[in-house]
Amino acid sequence: MGLDTTRFSMCPNIEKIEVDVENEYFTDGGCNAIITQDGTLLVGCYKTKISDVVKEIAPFAFCGQTRMKEIVIPSYVRKIGDYAFDGCSEATLLDVKSGCEQIGEFCFRNCHSLELIRLPSLNNVPENVFGAVDVYSKYGYLDRTGGIRSVK
C-alpha cells in the first residue's frame, strides 16, 4: 500500500498523528508519526519524538514543519531521505547521532535558524544537504568527497 507523503508537506499545524492499531500497513510507533511496518517514518509533525522502531526517515517526512524547534536524529536511524527536513525554518538545533550512515539531498534545506549543528563523521554527504543555508562558512567546511570534516 502506497502513501503519498508529500500531501502532508507544508502542514505545520499538525500536532497529533495516530494510526489505528488494526492497520496492517502502518503504525504510529508510539511517537506521533506514520511509520511503515519495516521502520520507515513516512510522516511526522513538530511534536514527533522518534522512537526506536524507526530505522529510516523518508523523503519529505518533516518537510515544512516550521514549528519544529529541534531536529534530533537518534543513533538507531540509519538513513535520512531527500528533503526530509526541508523548510523546518525555526529549528535552531540539528543533532544527528553517530548511527546515521546516509543523509539525503537537500535534507536540511531552508533551515535558516540553525545555531548549533552536530553531525557524525560521514562520507559522501551531498554538497547540497543544507541547500540555501550557508553553514559551511559559519560552522565548518565540506571537502570535495562530500564528507563533513569540521563542524563547530
Protein backbone atom coordinates (compact mmCIF):
# COMPACT_ATOMS: atom_id res chain seq x y z
CA MET A 1 0.00 0.00 0.00
CA GLY A 2 1.43 3.38 -1.01
CA LEU A 3 1.08 6.68 0.77
CA ASP A 4 1.88 9.97 -0.94
CA THR A 5 3.79 11.60 1.90
CA THR A 6 4.18 14.89 0.04
CA ARG A 7 0.48 15.51 0.73
CA PHE A 8 1.46 16.27 4.33
CA SER A 9 4.28 18.65 3.42
CA MET A 10 3.80 22.24 4.48
CA CYS A 11 1.22 21.35 7.16
CA PRO A 12 2.96 22.88 10.19
CA ASN A 13 -0.11 22.88 12.45
CA ILE A 14 -0.46 19.10 12.65
CA GLU A 15 0.06 18.22 16.32
CA LYS A 16 -1.14 14.64 16.63
CA ILE A 17 -0.75 11.64 14.34
CA GLU A 18 -2.36 8.34 15.28
CA VAL A 19 -2.57 5.09 13.33
CA ASP A 20 -5.26 2.55 14.17
CA VAL A 21 -3.75 -0.50 15.91
CA GLU A 22 -5.64 -2.70 13.44
CA ASN A 23 -3.80 -1.14 10.47
CA GLU A 24 -1.72 -3.87 8.85
CA TYR A 25 0.46 -1.50 6.81
CA PHE A 26 1.36 1.35 9.15
CA THR A 27 1.94 2.07 12.82
CA ASP A 28 2.48 5.24 14.81
CA GLY A 29 5.28 3.58 16.77
CA GLY A 30 4.15 5.43 19.86
CA CYS A 31 5.91 8.51 18.54
CA ASN A 32 3.22 10.63 16.87
CA ALA A 33 4.08 9.69 13.26
CA ILE A 34 3.15 7.38 10.38
CA ILE A 35 5.67 4.54 10.16
CA THR A 36 5.81 1.51 7.87
CA GLN A 37 5.98 -1.95 9.42
CA ASP A 38 9.66 -2.17 8.43
CA GLY A 39 10.57 1.04 10.30
CA THR A 40 10.45 3.87 7.75
CA LEU A 41 8.99 7.05 9.21
CA LEU A 42 6.84 8.47 6.41
CA VAL A 43 5.15 11.47 8.03
CA GLY A 44 5.97 13.33 11.21
CA CYS A 45 4.97 16.59 12.84
CA TYR A 46 6.70 19.09 15.06
CA LYS A 47 5.68 17.09 18.15
CA THR A 48 7.06 13.77 16.86
CA LYS A 49 9.60 12.06 19.12
CA ILE A 50 11.41 9.47 17.03
CA SER A 51 11.13 6.07 18.71
CA ASP A 52 13.41 3.05 18.40
CA VAL A 53 11.13 1.38 15.83
CA VAL A 54 12.34 3.97 13.28
CA LYS A 55 15.28 2.87 11.13
CA GLU A 56 14.85 5.36 8.28
CA ILE A 57 13.25 8.75 7.70
CA ALA A 58 11.55 9.00 4.31
CA PRO A 59 11.92 11.87 1.85
CA PHE A 60 9.73 14.86 2.79
CA ALA A 61 8.77 13.27 6.16
CA PHE A 62 9.03 16.56 8.10
CA CYS A 63 9.04 18.97 5.15
CA GLY A 64 7.62 22.38 6.04
CA GLN A 65 7.32 21.77 9.78
CA THR A 66 8.02 25.40 10.59
CA ARG A 67 7.07 24.96 14.25
CA MET A 68 9.83 22.39 14.86
CA LYS A 69 12.47 23.84 17.20
CA GLU A 70 14.96 20.96 17.33
CA ILE A 71 15.93 18.22 14.90
CA VAL A 72 17.39 15.30 16.85
CA ILE A 73 18.07 12.06 14.98
CA PRO A 74 18.69 9.11 17.36
CA SER A 75 21.52 6.63 16.76
CA TYR A 76 19.18 3.85 15.56
CA VAL A 77 18.14 5.88 12.49
CA ARG A 78 20.42 4.75 9.65
CA LYS A 79 19.14 6.86 6.74
CA ILE A 80 17.52 10.27 6.26
CA GLY A 81 15.80 10.80 2.90
CA ASP A 82 15.96 13.71 0.46
CA TYR A 83 14.20 16.89 1.63
CA ALA A 84 13.24 15.15 4.92
CA PHE A 85 13.52 18.34 7.00
CA ASP A 86 13.35 20.92 4.21
CA GLY A 87 11.65 24.09 5.41
CA CYS A 88 12.00 23.50 9.16
CA SER A 89 12.84 27.16 9.29
CA GLU A 90 12.52 27.68 13.06
CA ALA A 91 14.78 24.79 14.09
CA THR A 92 17.81 26.09 15.99
CA LEU A 93 19.42 22.70 16.80
CA LEU A 94 20.41 19.90 14.43
CA ASP A 95 21.81 16.85 16.22
CA VAL A 96 22.39 13.70 14.16
CA LYS A 97 23.71 10.87 16.33
CA SER A 98 26.52 8.54 15.25
CA GLY A 99 24.39 5.64 13.90
CA CYS A 100 23.28 7.57 10.82
CA GLU A 101 25.01 6.34 7.65
CA GLN A 102 23.29 8.32 4.90
CA ILE A 103 21.81 11.81 4.61
CA GLY A 104 19.81 12.73 1.50
CA GLU A 105 19.99 15.69 -0.82
CA PHE A 106 18.52 19.00 0.39
CA CYS A 107 17.74 17.23 3.67
CA PHE A 108 18.11 20.39 5.77
CA ARG A 109 17.41 23.00 3.06
CA ASN A 110 15.68 26.16 4.24
CA CYS A 111 16.58 25.52 7.88
CA HIS A 112 17.68 29.14 8.23
CA SER A 113 17.59 29.41 12.03
CA LEU A 114 20.14 26.69 12.82
CA GLU A 115 22.50 27.85 15.55
CA LEU A 116 24.10 24.54 16.52
CA ILE A 117 24.83 21.63 14.19
CA ARG A 118 26.14 18.27 15.39
CA LEU A 119 26.87 15.66 12.74
CA PRO A 120 28.66 12.33 12.97
CA SER A 121 31.66 11.58 10.78
CA LEU A 122 30.05 10.80 7.43
CA ASN A 123 31.35 10.25 3.93
CA ASN A 124 29.53 11.12 0.74
CA VAL A 125 27.29 13.78 2.21
CA PRO A 126 25.64 15.62 -0.71
CA GLU A 127 27.06 19.11 -1.16
CA ASN A 128 23.51 20.44 -1.22
CA VAL A 129 22.44 18.83 2.06
CA PHE A 130 21.85 22.29 3.54
CA GLY A 131 20.66 23.86 0.28
CA ALA A 132 20.46 27.61 0.74
CA VAL A 133 21.84 27.64 4.29
CA ASP A 134 25.43 28.85 4.31
CA VAL A 135 26.54 26.58 7.15
CA TYR A 136 29.91 25.81 5.65
CA SER A 137 31.27 29.28 6.24
CA LYS A 138 29.51 29.52 9.60
CA TYR A 139 30.24 26.07 11.08
CA GLY A 140 32.89 24.24 9.11
CA TYR A 141 33.65 23.11 5.61
CA LEU A 142 32.76 20.39 3.15
CA ASP A 143 35.62 18.71 1.35
CA ARG A 144 35.40 17.58 -2.27
CA THR A 145 34.43 13.98 -1.37
CA GLY A 146 31.31 15.32 0.31
CA GLY A 147 32.47 14.37 3.80
CA ILE A 148 31.91 16.90 6.53
CA ARG A 149 35.30 17.30 8.16
CA SER A 150 34.81 20.16 10.57
CA VAL A 151 31.70 21.28 12.37
CA LYS A 152 31.97 23.61 15.35
